[in-house]
Amino acid sequence: MKTLKALLILTLMSASVAAMAEGGGDTVMARMEAARDAAMTTHQQSEQVTAVASNQKAAASDAARSN
């Protein structure tokens, strides 16, 4: 009887752990994708700012040369 109870408890606990762990990978992947999207958006915005700043410097240099 003790062996049966121990086996039943072990089975129930492992089933509950497996059920909880099943969706864990999906959650991690969703968080990674959200973090990657946020990082890419920030990177693209900083690239645009850098491009605009370099274009303004080039335009200012061209204007200074033409005067």
Protein backbone atom coordinates (compact mmCIF):
# COMPACT_ATOMS: atom_id res chain seq x y z
CA MET A 1 0.00 0.00 0.00
CA LYS A 2 2.83 2.41 0.83
CA THR A 3 4.47 1.66 -2.49
CA LEU A 4 1.21 2.34 -4.33
CA LYS A 5 0.77 5.67 -2.54
CA ALA A 6 4.35 6.67 -3.27
CA LEU A 7 3.93 5.73 -6.93
CA LEU A 8 0.66 7.64 -7.16
CA ILE A 9 2.18 10.75 -5.56
CA LEU A 10 5.22 10.56 -7.81
CA THR A 11 3.02 10.20 -10.90
CA LEU A 12 0.77 13.12 -9.96
CA MET A 13 3.71 15.40 -9.13
CA SER A 14 5.57 14.61 -12.34
CA ALA A 15 2.40 15.17 -14.38
CA SER A 16 1.87 18.59 -12.83
CA VAL A 17 5.51 19.58 -13.35
CA ALA A 18 5.34 18.47 -16.98
CA ALA A 19 2.17 20.49 -17.51
CA MET A 20 3.76 23.62 -16.06
CA ALA A 21 6.96 23.21 -18.02
CA GLU A 22 5.18 22.63 -21.32
CA GLY A 23 4.33 26.31 -21.92
CA GLY A 24 7.61 27.62 -20.53
CA GLY A 25 9.47 27.48 -23.82
CA ASP A 26 6.73 29.41 -25.60
CA THR A 27 6.87 32.13 -22.96
CA VAL A 28 10.64 32.42 -23.23
CA MET A 29 10.52 32.58 -27.03
CA ALA A 30 7.81 35.26 -26.93
CA ARG A 31 9.89 37.36 -24.53
CA MET A 32 13.00 36.92 -26.68
CA GLU A 33 11.13 37.99 -29.83
CA ALA A 34 9.68 41.03 -28.06
CA ALA A 35 13.12 42.04 -26.76
CA ARG A 36 14.65 41.53 -30.22
CA ASP A 37 11.92 43.63 -31.87
CA ALA A 38 12.43 46.42 -29.34
CA ALA A 39 16.20 46.32 -29.84
CA MET A 40 15.88 46.38 -33.63
CA THR A 41 13.48 49.34 -33.47
CA THR A 42 15.88 51.26 -31.25
CA HIS A 43 18.81 50.37 -33.50
CA GLN A 44 16.96 51.51 -36.63
CA GLN A 45 15.98 54.78 -34.98
CA SER A 46 19.57 55.44 -33.92
CA GLU A 47 20.78 54.64 -37.45
CA GLN A 48 18.27 57.12 -38.87
CA VAL A 49 19.38 59.82 -36.44
CA THR A 50 23.01 59.18 -37.35
CA ALA A 51 22.23 59.34 -41.07
CA VAL A 52 20.31 62.60 -40.69
CA ALA A 53 23.11 64.12 -38.62
CA SER A 54 25.76 63.13 -41.17
CA ASN A 55 23.61 64.51 -44.01
CA GLN A 56 23.25 67.81 -42.16
CA LYS A 57 27.01 68.00 -41.59
CA ALA A 58 27.66 67.28 -45.26
CA ALA A 59 25.16 69.93 -46.32
CA ALA A 60 26.75 72.46 -43.97
CA SER A 61 30.20 71.64 -45.37
CA ASP A 62 28.96 72.01 -48.94
CA ALA A 63 27.36 75.36 -48.08
CA ALA A 64 30.56 76.58 -46.45
CA ARG A 65 32.61 75.59 -49.50
CA SER A 66 30.25 77.30 -51.94
CA ASN A 67 30.51 80.64 -50.08
